[in-house]
């Protein structure tokens, strides 16, 4: 299909005390040893706790502490390295909370809830490999062979004939892909209710509208992709039959091509990539990751590295729209509108 596309340290300031390593200064309730002086002189006591490598030192005046009230205030100093470790741990916790908040917000916005997938990765690989093989066989061998036996060659057809040839090829590829899905998934029927849904009801049209606002950006990504992977000068310049029909301004041919790119291709591509592959991947990875992986597969299926970046982004937009609505009609419509946007852009 053609697309153009802190570490904190707290030090106590005391004019009379020098604290050794790993020390604590505290006002304690229960004295252990006392040195008493006459009058209102201060009473001083020392307490040493060598097993835990910490010293405690307390000073209080006799008149401030009566026998009835011995409440104390604890003042604590820690090593800078301990504070560094503690604050780094706090920073990690803050980062985890921040990332968790972002993920919860994304889940709420996108509605990323995984599907119930009754099959295993073996079925996923089987379906995709069979689809790729059928796509290649039908488009490159079966249809050309049937046309040849009927006395036609694509190169010798008129613009209208080539457009009809492309339409029939696309329809055949789509039908074969749908048959493969039906045969491979037959033993898992009936499928859960949110598989391959087509519904007109719902608020998915708003999401489709938001997706359409991404079209100019996707178009700009085509140029970015070309700057990253430019076409080599030795590569021959070819003009597709679609572009030839547009240049010739053949209305019938252009109408047939419009049906191909805006109706046929969006239907079967969305059934395969958003209808089957994306939901199946949610069994083995987060939904956002399944959106990305299915988008890369979607872009690779177009066999054009110069359009890889815009097609991946387009696939992600359609994936988000589909995940939010669980409705294939939404991604099909968005896909169709994108292809129509590109087709109209070629007609300028």
C-alpha atoms as a PDB file:
ATOM      1  CA  UNK A   1       0.000   0.000   0.000  1.00  0.00           C
ATOM      2  CA  UNK A   2       1.333   3.378  -0.847  1.00  0.00           C
ATOM      3  CA  UNK A   3       1.799   5.993   1.869  1.00  0.00           C
ATOM      4  CA  UNK A   4       3.779   9.263   1.881  1.00  0.00           C
ATOM      5  CA  UNK A   5       4.666   9.516   4.995  1.00  0.00           C
ATOM      6  CA  UNK A   6      20.098  15.585  47.558  1.00  0.00           C
ATOM      7  CA  UNK A   7      21.954  14.816  49.751  1.00  0.00           C
ATOM      8  CA  UNK A   8      21.375  16.666  53.019  1.00  0.00           C
ATOM      9  CA  UNK A   9      23.581  16.955  56.148  1.00  0.00           C
ATOM     10  CA  UNK A  10      22.454  18.333  59.526  1.00  0.00           C
ATOM     11  CA  UNK A  11      25.227  19.519  61.854  1.00  0.00           C
ATOM     12  CA  UNK A  12      24.532  20.710  65.403  1.00  0.00           C
ATOM     13  CA  UNK A  13      26.180  23.910  66.364  1.00  0.00           C
ATOM     14  CA  UNK A  14      27.359  23.648  69.953  1.00  0.00           C
ATOM     15  CA  UNK A  15      30.021  25.979  71.419  1.00  0.00           C
ATOM     16  CA  UNK A  16      31.103  23.486  74.089  1.00  0.00           C
ATOM     17  CA  UNK A  17      30.880  20.049  72.522  1.00  0.00           C
ATOM     18  CA  UNK A  18      33.003  18.116  70.100  1.00  0.00           C
ATOM     19  CA  UNK A  19      31.285  14.976  68.930  1.00  0.00           C
ATOM     20  CA  UNK A  20      33.268  11.929  67.826  1.00  0.00           C
ATOM     21  CA  UNK A  21      32.413   9.771  64.849  1.00  0.00           C
ATOM     22  CA  UNK A  22      28.979   8.174  64.760  1.00  0.00           C
ATOM     23  CA  UNK A  23      27.797  10.204  67.738  1.00  0.00           C
ATOM     24  CA  UNK A  24      24.459  11.236  69.099  1.00  0.00           C
ATOM     25  CA  UNK A  25      23.656  14.081  71.439  1.00  0.00           C
ATOM     26  CA  UNK A  26      20.501  13.650  73.474  1.00  0.00           C
ATOM     27  CA  UNK A  27      18.718  14.742  76.570  1.00  0.00           C
ATOM     28  CA  UNK A  28      17.821  11.560  78.393  1.00  0.00           C
ATOM     29  CA  UNK A  29      15.235  10.745  80.991  1.00  0.00           C
ATOM     30  CA  UNK A  30      17.117   8.157  83.081  1.00  0.00           C
ATOM     31  CA  UNK A  31      20.646   9.097  84.147  1.00  0.00           C
ATOM     32  CA  UNK A  32      23.150   6.333  84.551  1.00  0.00           C
ATOM     33  CA  UNK A  33      26.083   8.116  86.244  1.00  0.00           C
ATOM     34  CA  UNK A  34      26.001  11.550  87.798  1.00  0.00           C
ATOM     35  CA  UNK A  35      28.545  14.133  88.859  1.00  0.00           C
ATOM     36  CA  UNK A  36      26.788  16.529  91.301  1.00  0.00           C
ATOM     37  CA  UNK A  37      27.933  20.034  92.179  1.00  0.00           C
ATOM     38  CA  UNK A  38      26.605  22.425  94.834  1.00  0.00           C
ATOM     39  CA  UNK A  39      23.874  24.960  94.303  1.00  0.00           C
ATOM     40  CA  UNK A  40      22.399  25.314  90.938  1.00  0.00           C
ATOM     41  CA  UNK A  41      25.432  24.046  89.129  1.00  0.00           C
ATOM     42  CA  UNK A  42      24.754  21.829  86.189  1.00  0.00           C
ATOM     43  CA  UNK A  43      24.726  18.113  86.593  1.00  0.00           C
ATOM     44  CA  UNK A  44      26.587  16.235  83.935  1.00  0.00           C
ATOM     45  CA  UNK A  45      26.452  12.599  83.084  1.00  0.00           C
ATOM     46  CA  UNK A  46      28.086  10.455  80.457  1.00  0.00           C
ATOM     47  CA  UNK A  47      26.772   7.327  78.873  1.00  0.00           C
ATOM     48  CA  UNK A  48      28.821   5.212  76.546  1.00  0.00           C
ATOM     49  CA  UNK A  49      27.472   2.497  74.339  1.00  0.00           C
ATOM     50  CA  UNK A  50      30.460   0.974  72.654  1.00  0.00           C
ATOM     51  CA  UNK A  51      28.719  -2.162  71.290  1.00  0.00           C
ATOM     52  CA  UNK A  52      26.864  -0.011  68.805  1.00  0.00           C
ATOM     53  CA  UNK A  53      29.701   2.435  68.341  1.00  0.00           C
ATOM     54  CA  UNK A  54      27.719   5.498  69.421  1.00  0.00           C
ATOM     55  CA  UNK A  55      28.259   8.008  72.245  1.00  0.00           C
ATOM     56  CA  UNK A  56      25.528   9.852  74.019  1.00  0.00           C
ATOM     57  CA  UNK A  57      26.107  13.074  75.940  1.00  0.00           C
ATOM     58  CA  UNK A  58      23.522  15.047  77.844  1.00  0.00           C
ATOM     59  CA  UNK A  59      23.620  18.370  79.672  1.00  0.00           C
ATOM     60  CA  UNK A  60      20.826  19.780  81.742  1.00  0.00           C
ATOM     61  CA  UNK A  61      20.430  22.223  84.603  1.00  0.00           C
ATOM     62  CA  UNK A  62      19.056  21.142  87.963  1.00  0.00           C
ATOM     63  CA  UNK A  63      16.366  23.746  88.012  1.00  0.00           C
ATOM     64  CA  UNK A  64      15.084  22.748  84.599  1.00  0.00           C
ATOM     65  CA  UNK A  65      14.557  19.091  85.429  1.00  0.00           C
ATOM     66  CA  UNK A  66      12.635  18.154  88.528  1.00  0.00           C
ATOM     67  CA  UNK A  67      12.110  14.644  89.799  1.00  0.00           C
ATOM     68  CA  UNK A  68       8.535  14.788  88.614  1.00  0.00           C
ATOM     69  CA  UNK A  69       9.254  15.921  85.077  1.00  0.00           C
ATOM     70  CA  UNK A  70      12.117  14.354  83.201  1.00  0.00           C
ATOM     71  CA  UNK A  71      10.918  14.728  79.605  1.00  0.00           C
ATOM     72  CA  UNK A  72      13.738  15.046  77.165  1.00  0.00           C
ATOM     73  CA  UNK A  73      14.386  16.277  73.701  1.00  0.00           C
ATOM     74  CA  UNK A  74      16.367  14.170  71.286  1.00  0.00           C
ATOM     75  CA  UNK A  75      18.754  15.856  68.935  1.00  0.00           C
ATOM     76  CA  UNK A  76      20.403  13.632  66.444  1.00  0.00           C
ATOM     77  CA  UNK A  77      23.294  13.947  64.092  1.00  0.00           C
ATOM     78  CA  UNK A  78      24.083  11.408  61.473  1.00  0.00           C
ATOM     79  CA  UNK A  79      26.961  10.785  59.145  1.00  0.00           C
ATOM     80  CA  UNK A  80      26.781  12.513  55.747  1.00  0.00           C
ATOM     81  CA  UNK A  81      27.131   9.148  54.006  1.00  0.00           C
ATOM     82  CA  UNK A  82      24.124   7.840  55.911  1.00  0.00           C
ATOM     83  CA  UNK A  83      22.162  10.861  54.832  1.00  0.00           C
ATOM     84  CA  UNK A  84      23.311  10.370  51.262  1.00  0.00           C
ATOM     85  CA  UNK A  85      22.078   6.795  51.256  1.00  0.00           C
ATOM     86  CA  UNK A  86      18.788   7.729  52.885  1.00  0.00           C
ATOM     87  CA  UNK A  87      18.114  10.590  50.510  1.00  0.00           C
ATOM     88  CA  UNK A  88      19.083   8.526  47.488  1.00  0.00           C
ATOM     89  CA  UNK A  89      16.614   5.885  48.612  1.00  0.00           C
ATOM     90  CA  UNK A  90      13.992   8.590  48.980  1.00  0.00           C
ATOM     91  CA  UNK A  91      14.816   9.834  45.484  1.00  0.00           C
ATOM     92  CA  UNK A  92      14.364   6.338  44.064  1.00  0.00           C
ATOM     93  CA  UNK A  93      11.013   6.030  45.800  1.00  0.00           C
ATOM     94  CA  UNK A  94       9.945   9.389  44.380  1.00  0.00           C
ATOM     95  CA  UNK A  95      10.962   8.268  40.883  1.00  0.00           C
ATOM     96  CA  UNK A  96       8.981   5.056  41.282  1.00  0.00           C
ATOM     97  CA  UNK A  97       5.954   7.002  42.451  1.00  0.00           C
ATOM     98  CA  UNK A  98       6.337   9.411  39.543  1.00  0.00           C
ATOM     99  CA  UNK A  99       6.601   6.643  36.962  1.00  0.00           C
ATOM    100  CA  UNK A 100       3.698   4.812  38.557  1.00  0.00           C
ATOM    101  CA  UNK A 101       1.580   7.959  38.371  1.00  0.00           C
ATOM    102  CA  UNK A 102       2.406   8.397  34.686  1.00  0.00           C
ATOM    103  CA  UNK A 103       1.545   4.781  33.929  1.00  0.00           C
ATOM    104  CA  UNK A 104      -1.744   5.022  35.819  1.00  0.00           C
ATOM    105  CA  UNK A 105      -2.579   8.220  33.963  1.00  0.00           C
ATOM    106  CA  UNK A 106      -1.785   6.609  30.620  1.00  0.00           C
ATOM    107  CA  UNK A 107      -3.886   3.594  31.518  1.00  0.00           C
ATOM    108  CA  UNK A 108      -6.793   5.866  32.400  1.00  0.00           C
ATOM    109  CA  UNK A 109      -6.476   7.916  29.213  1.00  0.00           C
ATOM    110  CA  UNK A 110      -5.883   5.100  26.776  1.00  0.00           C
ATOM    111  CA  UNK A 111      -7.929   2.500  28.630  1.00  0.00           C
ATOM    112  CA  UNK A 112      -5.149  -0.055  28.328  1.00  0.00           C
ATOM    113  CA  UNK A 113      -6.760  -3.265  29.468  1.00  0.00           C
ATOM    114  CA  UNK A 114      -5.367  -6.527  28.078  1.00  0.00           C
ATOM    115  CA  UNK A 115      -7.479  -8.970  26.128  1.00  0.00           C
ATOM    116  CA  UNK A 116      -8.325 -12.485  27.198  1.00  0.00           C
ATOM    117  CA  UNK A 117      -6.240 -14.530  24.751  1.00  0.00           C
ATOM    118  CA  UNK A 118      -7.202 -18.225  24.520  1.00  0.00           C
ATOM    119  CA  UNK A 119      -4.291 -19.222  22.255  1.00  0.00           C
ATOM    120  CA  UNK A 120      -0.524 -19.345  22.718  1.00  0.00           C
ATOM    121  CA  UNK A 121       2.403 -17.764  20.920  1.00  0.00           C
ATOM    122  CA  UNK A 122       2.468 -20.757  18.580  1.00  0.00           C
ATOM    123  CA  UNK A 123      -0.864 -19.735  17.076  1.00  0.00           C
ATOM    124  CA  UNK A 124       0.257 -16.103  16.804  1.00  0.00           C
ATOM    125  CA  UNK A 125       3.386 -17.061  14.864  1.00  0.00           C
ATOM    126  CA  UNK A 126       1.445 -19.534  12.741  1.00  0.00           C
ATOM    127  CA  UNK A 127      -1.165 -16.994  11.687  1.00  0.00           C
ATOM    128  CA  UNK A 128       1.367 -14.275  10.885  1.00  0.00           C
ATOM    129  CA  UNK A 129       3.662 -16.565   8.889  1.00  0.00           C
ATOM    130  CA  UNK A 130       0.759 -17.995   6.912  1.00  0.00           C
ATOM    131  CA  UNK A 131      -0.545 -14.508   6.240  1.00  0.00           C
ATOM    132  CA  UNK A 132       2.855 -13.279   4.984  1.00  0.00           C
ATOM    133  CA  UNK A 133       3.209 -16.340   2.772  1.00  0.00           C
ATOM    134  CA  UNK A 134      -0.296 -15.983   1.341  1.00  0.00           C
ATOM    135  CA  UNK A 135       0.220 -12.272   0.758  1.00  0.00           C
ATOM    136  CA  UNK A 136       3.321 -13.011  -1.282  1.00  0.00           C
ATOM    137  CA  UNK A 137       1.895 -16.004  -3.130  1.00  0.00           C
ATOM    138  CA  UNK A 138      -1.387 -14.353  -4.077  1.00  0.00           C
ATOM    139  CA  UNK A 139       0.084 -11.035  -5.139  1.00  0.00           C
ATOM    140  CA  UNK A 140       3.228 -12.265  -6.856  1.00  0.00           C
ATOM    141  CA  UNK A 141       2.270 -15.668  -8.236  1.00  0.00           C
ATOM    142  CA  UNK A 142      -1.365 -16.752  -8.162  1.00  0.00           C
ATOM    143  CA  UNK A 143      -3.062 -13.631  -9.528  1.00  0.00           C
ATOM    144  CA  UNK A 144      -0.372 -13.004 -12.179  1.00  0.00           C
ATOM    145  CA  UNK A 145      -0.587 -16.663 -13.234  1.00  0.00           C
ATOM    146  CA  UNK A 146      -4.368 -16.521 -13.529  1.00  0.00           C
ATOM    147  CA  UNK A 147      -4.136 -13.299 -15.511  1.00  0.00           C
ATOM    148  CA  UNK A 148      -1.523 -14.828 -17.794  1.00  0.00           C
ATOM    149  CA  UNK A 149      -3.627 -17.922 -18.458  1.00  0.00           C
ATOM    150  CA  UNK A 150      -6.525 -15.613 -19.294  1.00  0.00           C
ATOM    151  CA  UNK A 151      -4.369 -13.839 -21.857  1.00  0.00           C
ATOM    152  CA  UNK A 152      -3.584 -10.687 -19.892  1.00  0.00           C
ATOM    153  CA  UNK A 153      -0.357  -9.134 -18.780  1.00  0.00           C
ATOM    154  CA  UNK A 154      -0.406  -6.312 -16.266  1.00  0.00           C
ATOM    155  CA  UNK A 155       2.205  -4.299 -18.131  1.00  0.00           C
ATOM    156  CA  UNK A 156       0.106  -4.271 -21.279  1.00  0.00           C
ATOM    157  CA  UNK A 157      -3.134  -3.208 -19.591  1.00  0.00           C
ATOM    158  CA  UNK A 158      -4.583   0.272 -19.757  1.00  0.00           C
ATOM    159  CA  UNK A 159      -4.778   2.521 -16.706  1.00  0.00           C
ATOM    160  CA  UNK A 160      -8.258   1.225 -15.982  1.00  0.00           C
ATOM    161  CA  UNK A 161      -7.166  -2.359 -16.527  1.00  0.00           C
ATOM    162  CA  UNK A 162      -4.256  -1.954 -14.114  1.00  0.00           C
ATOM    163  CA  UNK A 163      -6.545  -0.358 -11.552  1.00  0.00           C
ATOM    164  CA  UNK A 164      -8.986  -3.261 -11.821  1.00  0.00           C
ATOM    165  CA  UNK A 165      -6.077  -5.711 -11.597  1.00  0.00           C
ATOM    166  CA  UNK A 166      -4.896  -4.036  -8.369  1.00  0.00           C
ATOM    167  CA  UNK A 167      -8.416  -4.127  -6.939  1.00  0.00           C
ATOM    168  CA  UNK A 168      -8.863  -7.836  -7.651  1.00  0.00           C
ATOM    169  CA  UNK A 169      -5.412  -8.621  -6.233  1.00  0.00           C
ATOM    170  CA  UNK A 170      -6.139  -6.696  -3.050  1.00  0.00           C
ATOM    171  CA  UNK A 171      -9.510  -8.379  -2.603  1.00  0.00           C
ATOM    172  CA  UNK A 172      -7.938 -11.810  -3.116  1.00  0.00           C
ATOM    173  CA  UNK A 173      -5.177 -11.098  -0.582  1.00  0.00           C
ATOM    174  CA  UNK A 174      -7.717  -9.899   1.966  1.00  0.00           C
ATOM    175  CA  UNK A 175     -10.010 -12.891   1.543  1.00  0.00           C
ATOM    176  CA  UNK A 176      -7.147 -15.367   1.884  1.00  0.00           C
ATOM    177  CA  UNK A 177      -5.978 -13.621   5.053  1.00  0.00           C
ATOM    178  CA  UNK A 178      -9.454 -13.794   6.582  1.00  0.00           C
ATOM    179  CA  UNK A 179      -9.739 -17.495   5.690  1.00  0.00           C
ATOM    180  CA  UNK A 180      -6.399 -18.158   7.415  1.00  0.00           C
ATOM    181  CA  UNK A 181      -7.650 -16.439  10.552  1.00  0.00           C
ATOM    182  CA  UNK A 182     -10.898 -18.400  10.540  1.00  0.00           C
ATOM    183  CA  UNK A 183      -9.174 -21.757  10.092  1.00  0.00           C
ATOM    184  CA  UNK A 184      -6.435 -21.140  12.671  1.00  0.00           C
ATOM    185  CA  UNK A 185      -8.815 -19.781  15.323  1.00  0.00           C
ATOM    186  CA  UNK A 186     -11.692 -22.204  14.703  1.00  0.00           C
ATOM    187  CA  UNK A 187     -10.803 -24.473  17.652  1.00  0.00           C
ATOM    188  CA  UNK A 188     -10.930 -21.513  20.046  1.00  0.00           C
ATOM    189  CA  UNK A 189     -14.498 -20.544  19.223  1.00  0.00           C
ATOM    190  CA  UNK A 190     -16.560 -19.013  20.653  1.00  0.00           C
ATOM    191  CA  UNK A 191     -14.134 -16.143  21.105  1.00  0.00           C
ATOM    192  CA  UNK A 192     -14.442 -13.624  23.962  1.00  0.00           C
ATOM    193  CA  UNK A 193     -16.883 -10.819  23.261  1.00  0.00           C
ATOM    194  CA  UNK A 194     -14.212  -8.139  22.731  1.00  0.00           C
ATOM    195  CA  UNK A 195     -12.545  -9.896  19.799  1.00  0.00           C
ATOM    196  CA  UNK A 196     -13.094  -8.629  16.229  1.00  0.00           C
ATOM    197  CA  UNK A 197     -15.843  -6.202  17.241  1.00  0.00           C
ATOM    198  CA  UNK A 198     -17.564  -4.017  14.660  1.00  0.00           C
ATOM    199  CA  UNK A 199     -19.927  -1.514  16.271  1.00  0.00           C
ATOM    200  CA  UNK A 200     -21.361   1.807  15.221  1.00  0.00           C
ATOM    201  CA  UNK A 201     -22.279   2.809  18.768  1.00  0.00           C
ATOM    202  CA  UNK A 202     -19.823   4.331  21.195  1.00  0.00           C
ATOM    203  CA  UNK A 203     -17.767   7.503  21.463  1.00  0.00           C
ATOM    204  CA  UNK A 204     -14.947   6.344  19.227  1.00  0.00           C
ATOM    205  CA  UNK A 205     -15.594   9.000  16.573  1.00  0.00           C
ATOM    206  CA  UNK A 206     -13.978  11.582  18.857  1.00  0.00           C
ATOM    207  CA  UNK A 207     -10.821   9.459  19.025  1.00  0.00           C
ATOM    208  CA  UNK A 208     -10.819   9.112  15.254  1.00  0.00           C
ATOM    209  CA  UNK A 209     -11.053  12.895  14.979  1.00  0.00           C
ATOM    210  CA  UNK A 210      -8.072  13.330  17.300  1.00  0.00           C
ATOM    211  CA  UNK A 211      -6.183  10.788  15.213  1.00  0.00           C
ATOM    212  CA  UNK A 212      -6.879  12.778  12.061  1.00  0.00           C
ATOM    213  CA  UNK A 213      -5.168  15.769  13.664  1.00  0.00           C
ATOM    214  CA  UNK A 214      -1.980  13.681  13.623  1.00  0.00           C
ATOM    215  CA  UNK A 215      -1.949  13.395   9.832  1.00  0.00           C
ATOM    216  CA  UNK A 216       0.214  16.480   9.141  1.00  0.00           C
ATOM    217  CA  UNK A 217       2.749  15.258  11.703  1.00  0.00           C
ATOM    218  CA  UNK A 218       2.829  11.805  10.126  1.00  0.00           C
ATOM    219  CA  UNK A 219       3.355  13.443   6.770  1.00  0.00           C
ATOM    220  CA  UNK A 220       6.304  15.429   8.153  1.00  0.00           C
ATOM    221  CA  UNK A 221       7.812  12.234   9.524  1.00  0.00           C
ATOM    222  CA  UNK A 222       8.066  11.000   5.942  1.00  0.00           C
ATOM    223  CA  UNK A 223      10.575  13.755   5.214  1.00  0.00           C
ATOM    224  CA  UNK A 224      12.458  13.020   8.434  1.00  0.00           C
ATOM    225  CA  UNK A 225      12.669   9.377   7.398  1.00  0.00           C
ATOM    226  CA  UNK A 226      14.000  10.344   3.985  1.00  0.00           C
ATOM    227  CA  UNK A 227      16.662  12.503   5.631  1.00  0.00           C
ATOM    228  CA  UNK A 228      17.711   9.581   7.811  1.00  0.00           C
ATOM    229  CA  UNK A 229      17.532   6.994   5.028  1.00  0.00           C
ATOM    230  CA  UNK A 230      17.839   8.853   1.727  1.00  0.00           C
ATOM    231  CA  UNK A 231      17.171   7.110  -1.540  1.00  0.00           C
ATOM    232  CA  UNK A 232      20.461   6.186  -3.157  1.00  0.00           C
ATOM    233  CA  UNK A 233      21.244   7.975  -6.435  1.00  0.00           C
ATOM    234  CA  UNK A 234      21.735   4.617  -8.119  1.00  0.00           C
ATOM    235  CA  UNK A 235      18.212   3.520  -7.214  1.00  0.00           C
ATOM    236  CA  UNK A 236      15.976   3.691 -10.276  1.00  0.00           C
ATOM    237  CA  UNK A 237      13.036   6.040  -9.971  1.00  0.00           C
ATOM    238  CA  UNK A 238       9.779   4.201 -10.547  1.00  0.00           C
ATOM    239  CA  UNK A 239       6.264   5.563 -10.804  1.00  0.00           C
ATOM    240  CA  UNK A 240       3.470   3.419  -9.440  1.00  0.00           C
ATOM    241  CA  UNK A 241       0.399   2.624 -11.469  1.00  0.00           C
ATOM    242  CA  UNK A 242      -1.614   4.754  -9.044  1.00  0.00           C
ATOM    243  CA  UNK A 243       0.563   7.770  -9.759  1.00  0.00           C
ATOM    244  CA  UNK A 244       0.421   7.084 -13.474  1.00  0.00           C
ATOM    245  CA  UNK A 245      -3.381   7.068 -13.379  1.00  0.00           C
ATOM    246  CA  UNK A 246      -3.411  10.319 -11.433  1.00  0.00           C
ATOM    247  CA  UNK A 247      -1.064  11.932 -13.932  1.00  0.00           C
ATOM    248  CA  UNK A 248      -3.280  10.711 -16.756  1.00  0.00           C
ATOM    249  CA  UNK A 249      -6.366  12.026 -14.928  1.00  0.00           C
ATOM    250  CA  UNK A 250      -8.364   8.898 -15.740  1.00  0.00           C
ATOM    251  CA  UNK A 251     -11.450   9.202 -13.499  1.00  0.00           C
ATOM    252  CA  UNK A 252     -12.401   5.512 -13.619  1.00  0.00           C
ATOM    253  CA  UNK A 253      -8.889   4.371 -12.796  1.00  0.00           C
ATOM    254  CA  UNK A 254      -8.617   6.868  -9.955  1.00  0.00           C
ATOM    255  CA  UNK A 255     -11.982   5.738  -8.556  1.00  0.00           C
ATOM    256  CA  UNK A 256     -10.870   2.103  -8.609  1.00  0.00           C
ATOM    257  CA  UNK A 257      -7.595   2.964  -6.890  1.00  0.00           C
ATOM    258  CA  UNK A 258      -9.512   5.001  -4.315  1.00  0.00           C
ATOM    259  CA  UNK A 259     -11.530   1.881  -3.473  1.00  0.00           C
ATOM    260  CA  UNK A 260      -8.317  -0.141  -3.150  1.00  0.00           C
ATOM    261  CA  UNK A 261      -6.492   2.232  -0.808  1.00  0.00           C
ATOM    262  CA  UNK A 262      -9.467   3.606   1.140  1.00  0.00           C
ATOM    263  CA  UNK A 263     -11.698   0.535   1.491  1.00  0.00           C
ATOM    264  CA  UNK A 264     -10.019  -2.789   0.796  1.00  0.00           C
ATOM    265  CA  UNK A 265      -6.582  -2.280   2.302  1.00  0.00           C
ATOM    266  CA  UNK A 266      -7.819  -0.744   5.589  1.00  0.00           C
ATOM    267  CA  UNK A 267     -10.265  -3.614   6.152  1.00  0.00           C
ATOM    268  CA  UNK A 268      -7.930  -6.572   5.892  1.00  0.00           C
ATOM    269  CA  UNK A 269      -4.868  -4.808   7.304  1.00  0.00           C
ATOM    270  CA  UNK A 270      -6.766  -3.757  10.423  1.00  0.00           C
ATOM    271  CA  UNK A 271      -8.235  -7.232  10.882  1.00  0.00           C
ATOM    272  CA  UNK A 272      -4.726  -8.714  10.870  1.00  0.00           C
ATOM    273  CA  UNK A 273      -2.676  -6.115  12.752  1.00  0.00           C
ATOM    274  CA  UNK A 274      -5.137  -4.449  15.142  1.00  0.00           C
ATOM    275  CA  UNK A 275      -7.810  -7.147  15.204  1.00  0.00           C
ATOM    276  CA  UNK A 276      -5.549 -10.164  15.766  1.00  0.00           C
ATOM    277  CA  UNK A 277      -1.882  -9.320  16.380  1.00  0.00           C
ATOM    278  CA  UNK A 278      -2.197  -6.444  18.857  1.00  0.00           C
ATOM    279  CA  UNK A 279      -4.689  -8.148  21.227  1.00  0.00           C
ATOM    280  CA  UNK A 280      -2.773 -11.436  21.031  1.00  0.00           C
ATOM    281  CA  UNK A 281       0.458  -9.735  22.127  1.00  0.00           C
ATOM    282  CA  UNK A 282      -1.197  -8.393  25.295  1.00  0.00           C
ATOM    283  CA  UNK A 283      -0.963 -11.912  26.725  1.00  0.00           C
ATOM    284  CA  UNK A 284       2.833 -11.615  26.830  1.00  0.00           C
ATOM    285  CA  UNK A 285       3.534  -7.880  27.204  1.00  0.00           C
ATOM    286  CA  UNK A 286       1.911  -4.638  28.396  1.00  0.00           C
ATOM    287  CA  UNK A 287      -0.695  -3.150  26.111  1.00  0.00           C
ATOM    288  CA  UNK A 288       1.462  -0.115  25.249  1.00  0.00           C
ATOM    289  CA  UNK A 289       4.251  -2.469  24.197  1.00  0.00           C
ATOM    290  CA  UNK A 290       1.834  -4.535  22.117  1.00  0.00           C
ATOM    291  CA  UNK A 291       0.750  -1.344  20.364  1.00  0.00           C
ATOM    292  CA  UNK A 292       4.365  -0.550  19.477  1.00  0.00           C
ATOM    293  CA  UNK A 293       5.317  -4.064  18.350  1.00  0.00           C
ATOM    294  CA  UNK A 294       2.225  -4.446  16.175  1.00  0.00           C
ATOM    295  CA  UNK A 295       2.938  -1.010  14.669  1.00  0.00           C
ATOM    296  CA  UNK A 296       6.469  -2.061  13.725  1.00  0.00           C
ATOM    297  CA  UNK A 297       5.081  -5.221  12.127  1.00  0.00           C
ATOM    298  CA  UNK A 298       2.527  -3.115  10.276  1.00  0.00           C
ATOM    299  CA  UNK A 299       5.265  -0.843   8.922  1.00  0.00           C
ATOM    300  CA  UNK A 300       7.498  -3.752   7.906  1.00  0.00           C
ATOM    301  CA  UNK A 301       4.611  -5.296   5.962  1.00  0.00           C
ATOM    302  CA  UNK A 302       4.798  -2.346   3.556  1.00  0.00           C
ATOM    303  CA  UNK A 303       8.371  -3.295   2.548  1.00  0.00           C
ATOM    304  CA  UNK A 304       9.601   0.301   2.372  1.00  0.00           C
ATOM    305  CA  UNK A 305      12.333   1.525   4.735  1.00  0.00           C
ATOM    306  CA  UNK A 306      11.934   5.099   3.488  1.00  0.00           C
ATOM    307  CA  UNK A 307       8.412   5.090   4.994  1.00  0.00           C
ATOM    308  CA  UNK A 308       9.178   3.116   8.139  1.00  0.00           C
ATOM    309  CA  UNK A 309       9.025   5.989  10.645  1.00  0.00           C
ATOM    310  CA  UNK A 310       5.683   7.498   9.580  1.00  0.00           C
ATOM    311  CA  UNK A 311       4.088   4.066   9.251  1.00  0.00           C
ATOM    312  CA  UNK A 312       5.180   3.058  12.765  1.00  0.00           C
ATOM    313  CA  UNK A 313       3.738   6.273  14.169  1.00  0.00           C
ATOM    314  CA  UNK A 314       0.552   5.816  12.153  1.00  0.00           C
ATOM    315  CA  UNK A 315       0.231   2.266  13.463  1.00  0.00           C
ATOM    316  CA  UNK A 316       0.614   3.511  17.030  1.00  0.00           C
ATOM    317  CA  UNK A 317      -2.092   6.138  16.561  1.00  0.00           C
ATOM    318  CA  UNK A 318      -4.460   3.559  15.109  1.00  0.00           C
ATOM    319  CA  UNK A 319      -3.487   1.125  17.876  1.00  0.00           C
ATOM    320  CA  UNK A 320      -4.366   3.623  20.607  1.00  0.00           C
ATOM    321  CA  UNK A 321      -7.684   4.417  18.953  1.00  0.00           C
ATOM    322  CA  UNK A 322      -8.473   0.710  18.668  1.00  0.00           C
ATOM    323  CA  UNK A 323      -7.458  -0.104  22.271  1.00  0.00           C
ATOM    324  CA  UNK A 324      -9.629   2.684  23.649  1.00  0.00           C
ATOM    325  CA  UNK A 325     -12.707   1.619  21.695  1.00  0.00           C
ATOM    326  CA  UNK A 326     -12.134  -2.160  21.316  1.00  0.00           C
ATOM    327  CA  UNK A 327     -13.832  -1.558  17.996  1.00  0.00           C
ATOM    328  CA  UNK A 328     -12.185  -2.430  14.687  1.00  0.00           C
ATOM    329  CA  UNK A 329     -14.434   0.013  12.906  1.00  0.00           C
ATOM    330  CA  UNK A 330     -12.612   2.914  14.569  1.00  0.00           C
ATOM    331  CA  UNK A 331      -9.135   1.944  13.374  1.00  0.00           C
ATOM    332  CA  UNK A 332     -10.480   0.979   9.951  1.00  0.00           C
ATOM    333  CA  UNK A 333     -12.058   4.393   9.525  1.00  0.00           C
ATOM    334  CA  UNK A 334      -8.886   6.164  10.659  1.00  0.00           C
ATOM    335  CA  UNK A 335      -6.809   4.006   8.321  1.00  0.00           C
ATOM    336  CA  UNK A 336      -9.158   4.738   5.462  1.00  0.00           C
ATOM    337  CA  UNK A 337      -9.046   8.478   6.121  1.00  0.00           C
ATOM    338  CA  UNK A 338      -5.248   8.421   6.180  1.00  0.00           C
ATOM    339  CA  UNK A 339      -5.032   6.623   2.851  1.00  0.00           C
ATOM    340  CA  UNK A 340      -7.572   9.025   1.396  1.00  0.00           C
ATOM    341  CA  UNK A 341      -5.489  11.925   2.735  1.00  0.00           C
ATOM    342  CA  UNK A 342      -2.410  10.571   0.958  1.00  0.00           C
ATOM    343  CA  UNK A 343      -4.350   9.854  -2.216  1.00  0.00           C
ATOM    344  CA  UNK A 344      -5.747  13.386  -2.353  1.00  0.00           C
ATOM    345  CA  UNK A 345      -2.281  14.766  -1.655  1.00  0.00           C
ATOM    346  CA  UNK A 346      -0.964  12.893  -4.692  1.00  0.00           C
ATOM    347  CA  UNK A 347      -3.666  14.429  -6.839  1.00  0.00           C
ATOM    348  CA  UNK A 348      -2.443  17.976  -6.193  1.00  0.00           C
END
